[in-house]
Protein backbone atom coordinates (compact mmCIF):
# COMPACT_ATOMS: atom_id res chain seq x y z
CA MET A 1 158.67 108.50 73.11
CA VAL A 2 160.09 107.57 75.80
CA GLU A 3 158.64 105.71 78.43
CA ARG A 4 158.79 107.07 81.93
CA ARG A 5 158.22 105.46 85.38
CA LEU A 6 156.70 107.41 88.17
CA ASN A 7 156.16 106.57 91.93
CA LEU A 8 152.75 107.73 93.52
CA HIS A 9 152.56 107.94 97.50
CA LEU A 10 148.93 107.73 98.28
CA VAL A 11 148.82 108.87 101.79
CA SER A 12 145.49 108.50 103.71
CA ASP A 13 144.09 108.07 107.42
CA ALA A 14 141.14 106.25 106.35
CA THR A 15 140.73 103.45 103.65
CA GLY A 16 142.56 105.13 100.83
CA GLU A 17 139.36 105.07 98.92
CA THR A 18 139.46 109.00 98.04
CA LEU A 19 142.87 108.50 96.77
CA ASN A 20 142.01 105.83 95.06
CA ALA A 21 139.30 107.70 93.15
CA VAL A 22 141.50 110.43 92.03
CA ALA A 23 144.47 108.19 91.53
CA ARG A 24 142.54 106.36 88.67
CA ALA A 25 140.97 109.81 87.10
CA THR A 26 144.12 111.16 86.94
CA VAL A 27 146.78 108.67 85.91
CA VAL A 28 144.64 107.12 82.60
CA GLN A 29 145.38 110.37 80.85
CA PHE A 30 149.04 109.29 80.52
CA GLU A 31 149.30 106.30 78.29
CA HIS A 32 152.93 107.14 77.97
CA SER A 33 153.92 106.37 81.63
CA THR A 34 154.12 104.16 83.86
CA ILE A 35 153.01 104.82 87.07
CA VAL A 36 153.40 102.67 89.99
CA HIS A 37 150.98 103.78 93.09
CA HIS A 38 151.99 103.06 97.03
CA ARG A 39 149.19 102.88 99.22
CA TRP A 40 149.43 103.89 102.52
CA SER A 41 145.85 103.44 104.37
CA LEU A 42 144.74 104.16 108.00
CA VAL A 43 147.80 105.97 108.83
CA ARG A 44 147.36 107.55 112.23
CA THR A 45 150.03 107.42 114.43
CA ARG A 46 153.67 109.03 113.85
CA LEU A 47 155.23 105.02 113.62
CA GLN A 48 152.44 104.59 110.80
CA LEU A 49 153.73 107.75 108.92
CA HIS A 50 157.24 106.77 109.79
CA ARG A 51 157.32 103.95 107.40
CA VAL A 52 155.46 106.36 105.22
CA ILE A 53 158.87 108.16 104.91
CA GLU A 54 160.70 105.57 105.06
CA GLY A 55 159.00 103.93 101.99
CA LEU A 56 159.18 107.40 100.28
CA GLU A 57 163.24 107.55 100.60
CA MET A 58 163.32 104.15 98.92
CA GLU A 59 161.34 104.95 96.38
CA PRO A 60 161.10 109.11 95.52
CA GLY A 61 158.07 110.18 93.81
CA PRO A 62 155.34 113.04 94.97
CA VAL A 63 152.65 112.36 97.48
CA LEU A 64 148.63 112.65 97.08
CA SER A 65 147.76 113.23 101.13
CA THR A 66 144.53 113.30 102.98
CA LEU A 67 145.92 113.24 105.94
CA LEU A 68 143.92 115.78 108.70
CA ASP A 69 145.84 114.87 111.90
CA ARG A 70 147.68 118.68 111.72
CA ALA A 71 150.97 116.62 113.32
CA LEU A 72 151.12 114.06 111.07
CA ARG A 73 150.62 116.52 108.02
CA ALA A 74 153.19 118.89 109.43
CA GLU A 75 155.92 115.84 109.66
CA LEU A 76 154.59 114.87 106.02
CA GLU A 77 155.18 117.90 104.64
CA ALA A 78 158.96 118.04 106.19
CA ALA A 79 160.07 114.89 104.60
CA CYS A 80 158.76 115.71 101.13
CA GLN A 81 160.68 119.58 101.60
CA ARG A 82 163.72 117.38 102.55
CA LEU A 83 163.29 114.70 100.14
CA GLY A 84 162.46 117.53 97.02
CA GLN A 85 159.21 115.50 96.18
CA LYS A 86 155.95 117.16 95.71
CA LEU A 87 152.60 116.66 98.36
CA VAL A 88 148.92 117.65 97.41
CA HIS A 89 146.50 117.62 100.39
CA VAL A 90 143.75 116.56 98.33
CA LEU A 91 140.97 117.71 100.10
CA ASP A 92 142.33 120.87 101.22
CA PRO A 93 141.02 122.94 98.46
CA VAL A 94 136.99 121.61 99.18
CA LEU A 95 137.36 121.72 102.75
CA GLU A 96 138.31 125.40 102.53
CA VAL A 97 135.44 126.54 99.96
CA ILE A 98 132.86 124.57 102.76
CA GLN A 99 134.59 126.15 105.78
CA GLU A 100 134.38 129.58 104.06
CA GLU A 101 130.72 129.42 102.77
CA VAL A 102 129.31 127.61 106.17
CA GLY A 103 131.44 129.20 108.68
CA GLU A 104 132.48 126.86 110.65
CA ALA A 105 136.24 125.15 110.89
CA ALA A 106 136.28 121.56 109.47
CA GLY A 107 137.00 119.02 112.06
CA ALA A 108 140.14 116.73 111.69
CA ARG A 109 138.28 112.89 112.40
CA PRO A 110 139.63 110.59 109.85
CA GLY A 111 137.08 108.04 108.30
CA ARG A 112 134.11 109.89 109.32
CA GLN A 113 132.45 108.80 105.76
CA TYR A 114 132.43 105.50 107.48
CA VAL A 115 130.94 105.60 110.33
CA LEU A 116 127.95 103.06 111.03
CA ASN A 117 124.73 105.80 110.36
CA ALA A 118 121.81 105.48 108.46
CA ASP A 119 123.05 105.76 104.91
CA TYR A 120 125.60 103.09 105.86
CA PHE A 121 122.72 100.37 106.96
CA ARG A 122 120.93 101.70 103.98
CA ARG A 123 123.72 100.33 101.86
CA ILE A 124 124.54 97.30 103.68
CA ASP A 125 120.26 96.84 103.17
CA ALA A 126 120.47 97.30 99.99
CA MET A 127 123.05 94.72 99.07
CA HIS A 128 121.19 92.15 101.17
CA TYR A 129 118.53 93.24 99.10
CA VAL A 130 120.51 92.52 95.36
CA LEU A 131 121.75 89.30 96.87
CA ALA A 132 117.83 87.86 97.56
CA HIS A 133 117.00 89.63 93.89
CA ASP A 134 119.68 88.55 91.76
CA ASP A 135 118.42 87.46 88.24
CA GLY A 136 114.75 87.40 88.95
CA LEU A 137 114.69 85.70 92.33
CA ALA A 138 112.29 86.43 94.58
CA GLN A 139 109.43 87.73 92.36
CA ALA A 140 107.58 88.88 95.28
CA GLY A 141 110.24 91.53 96.88
CA ILE A 142 110.28 93.52 93.89
CA ALA A 143 107.91 96.20 95.19
CA GLU A 144 110.55 96.73 97.57
CA ALA A 145 112.64 97.66 94.37
CA ASP A 146 113.84 101.35 94.16
CA VAL A 147 114.47 100.46 90.54
CA VAL A 148 114.45 97.25 88.44
CA LEU A 149 116.91 96.21 85.77
CA VAL A 150 115.59 93.97 82.84
CA GLY A 151 117.64 92.70 79.87
CA VAL A 152 118.58 89.06 78.57
CA SER A 153 121.43 87.12 79.81
CA ARG A 154 124.82 88.77 80.17
CA SER A 155 123.90 92.32 79.93
CA SER A 156 125.53 94.01 83.06
CA LYS A 157 122.04 93.94 85.26
CA THR A 158 124.17 92.24 87.96
CA PRO A 159 127.13 93.96 88.36
CA THR A 160 125.12 96.93 87.87
CA SER A 161 122.63 96.22 90.42
CA PHE A 162 126.04 95.48 93.36
CA TYR A 163 127.22 99.26 92.29
CA LEU A 164 123.95 100.99 92.94
CA ALA A 165 123.79 98.94 96.09
CA ASN A 166 126.98 100.87 97.22
CA ARG A 167 125.07 103.50 96.89
CA GLY A 168 122.03 103.03 98.94
CA ILE A 169 119.80 102.14 95.68
CA LYS A 170 117.61 98.68 96.14
CA ALA A 171 117.87 97.18 92.82
CA ALA A 172 116.18 93.93 91.73
CA ASN A 173 117.31 92.48 88.02
CA VAL A 174 115.15 90.60 85.69
CA PRO A 175 116.04 88.45 82.85
CA LEU A 176 114.21 88.91 79.87
CA VAL A 177 114.09 85.57 77.84
CA PRO A 178 112.77 85.07 74.59
CA GLY A 179 109.99 82.15 74.61
CA LEU A 180 109.09 82.75 78.30
CA GLU A 181 106.04 84.72 79.68
CA GLU A 182 106.94 88.57 79.99
CA PRO A 183 108.14 89.26 84.17
CA PRO A 184 105.40 89.18 86.27
CA GLY A 185 105.06 92.30 88.99
CA LEU A 186 106.08 94.94 86.01
CA GLU A 187 102.77 95.88 84.44
CA ASN A 188 102.14 98.74 86.74
CA PRO A 189 105.56 99.02 88.74
CA SER A 190 106.02 101.29 91.90
CA CYS A 191 109.37 101.88 90.82
CA PRO A 192 111.08 102.31 87.45
CA VAL A 193 112.08 99.98 85.37
CA ILE A 194 114.92 100.65 83.01
CA GLY A 195 116.31 97.97 80.32
CA LEU A 196 120.14 97.30 79.36
CA THR A 197 121.29 96.33 75.99
CA ILE A 198 124.59 95.82 74.60
CA ASP A 199 125.89 95.67 70.70
CA PRO A 200 125.19 91.40 69.52
CA LEU A 201 128.78 90.76 68.55
CA ALA A 202 129.90 91.99 72.06
CA LEU A 203 127.63 89.65 74.05
CA THR A 204 128.04 86.92 71.57
CA GLU A 205 131.97 87.42 72.54
CA ILE A 206 131.01 87.70 76.27
CA ARG A 207 129.13 84.47 76.14
CA ARG A 208 131.27 82.28 74.57
CA HIS A 209 134.09 83.67 77.46
CA ARG A 210 131.65 82.58 79.57
CA LEU A 211 130.80 79.17 78.60
CA ARG A 212 134.73 78.84 78.24
CA MET A 213 135.19 79.62 82.00
CA ILE A 214 132.35 77.97 84.14
CA GLY A 215 130.42 76.19 81.58
CA ALA A 216 126.82 76.41 80.87
CA ALA A 217 123.98 77.02 83.22
CA PRO A 218 121.14 74.63 82.83
CA ALA A 219 118.77 76.45 80.78
CA VAL A 220 121.81 77.29 78.21
CA ARG A 221 122.80 73.67 77.99
CA GLN A 222 119.15 72.73 76.42
CA ASP A 223 120.04 74.72 73.57
CA PRO A 224 124.01 76.07 74.00
CA GLY A 225 124.47 76.94 69.94
CA ALA A 226 121.34 79.71 70.30
CA TYR A 227 123.17 81.00 73.43
CA VAL A 228 126.31 82.15 71.56
CA ASP A 229 124.74 82.34 67.64
CA PRO A 230 125.42 85.39 65.95
CA GLU A 231 122.23 85.80 64.45
CA ALA A 232 119.89 84.40 67.20
CA VAL A 233 121.56 86.41 69.64
CA LYS A 234 120.74 89.58 67.50
CA ALA A 235 117.19 88.10 67.30
CA GLU A 236 117.03 87.89 70.81
CA LEU A 237 118.53 91.51 71.82
CA LEU A 238 116.11 92.80 69.22
CA TRP A 239 112.91 91.71 70.99
CA ALA A 240 114.25 92.76 74.39
CA ARG A 241 114.10 96.05 72.83
CA ARG A 242 111.03 95.63 71.40
CA LEU A 243 109.42 94.58 74.52
CA CYS A 244 111.14 97.61 76.50
CA GLN A 245 109.51 100.00 73.96
CA ARG A 246 106.31 98.44 74.24
CA ARG A 247 106.40 98.58 78.07
CA GLY A 248 107.43 102.43 77.70
CA TRP A 249 110.62 100.75 79.67
CA PRO A 250 113.94 103.36 79.11
CA VAL A 251 116.52 101.26 77.32
CA ILE A 252 120.45 102.35 78.07
CA ASP A 253 123.09 100.31 75.66
CA VAL A 254 126.12 99.57 77.73
CA THR A 255 128.62 98.42 75.12
CA ARG A 256 131.14 101.16 75.87
CA ARG A 257 129.91 102.05 79.16
CA SER A 258 131.84 101.40 82.16
CA ILE A 259 129.56 99.97 85.12
CA GLU A 260 130.28 102.78 86.95
CA GLU A 261 128.67 104.89 83.90
CA THR A 262 125.51 102.73 83.49
CA ALA A 263 124.81 103.43 87.17
CA THR A 264 125.38 107.02 86.47
CA THR A 265 122.62 106.93 83.58
CA VAL A 266 120.59 104.67 85.71
CA LEU A 267 120.26 107.29 89.04
CA GLN A 268 119.67 110.16 86.08
CA LEU A 269 116.96 108.12 84.32
CA MET A 270 115.39 106.90 87.97
CA GLU A 271 115.48 111.07 89.02
CA ALA A 272 113.77 111.50 85.85
CA TRP A 273 110.96 109.02 86.53
CA HIS A 274 110.27 110.39 89.83
CA ALA A 275 110.03 113.61 88.54
CA ARG A 276 107.28 112.63 86.10
CA ARG A 277 105.81 111.32 89.07
CA ALA A 278 105.58 114.27 90.85
CA LYS A 279 103.96 116.10 88.12
CA GLN A 280 101.77 113.94 87.85
CA ALA A 281 100.54 114.00 91.23
CA PRO A 282 96.84 115.31 91.86
CA ALA A 283 98.14 118.45 93.91
């Protein structure tokens, strides 16, 4: 099969994150094509739009747009028609459905999802929380967590915590280390505790790469061999899984999951945990 090159123009009146997400979810399905993204963000004036059209003339290709301003939309539509390029207004189908259901016309205010409202400040607060409670720091503050992630070193606790923070979730993460006392403060937790595990071979390779890139942490330098020895890693993961089973903590295998998929599963387990607590609560 001959590989085809395609220019894909993403035109947004805000940060472009919506279009980036749509593009990521779709272009990965085309393995035999090279798709080049041309990102045009914060397009809110005719001058800015004219730069987009100039770029489209130089590198022709289909256009995905989230422009809301009617005048800018009309001008972009005319340019695409003149150049023979397809244009998709990504938000239109969803906006039309909601308008029909609620009986209210949608506003044309770009970037409304990024206003400094309570949700925004909750995400910022969650981000600060993750920074303060990463890798077992500030144990006393775990009582304020929305969820606690536990697992051995390099099992994706930190990146998952940061992703959850971007959703406004305060996620503390606590390392599980064989030979040390079990994590304090988790005997009767006020939030879900979820274990993360990973395939031993994958974890060994991640740790070896980590050591090559930045060197061992002080605790690892005492016994670097055990940190990357396949049998020791396997035993460490088995110990951690048994600890989670003993405590009744659900475990997610992150081996073949992206951070986004792991975080989604965490949110599902959190919802199930709260549903059980609600049923157990006295009437």
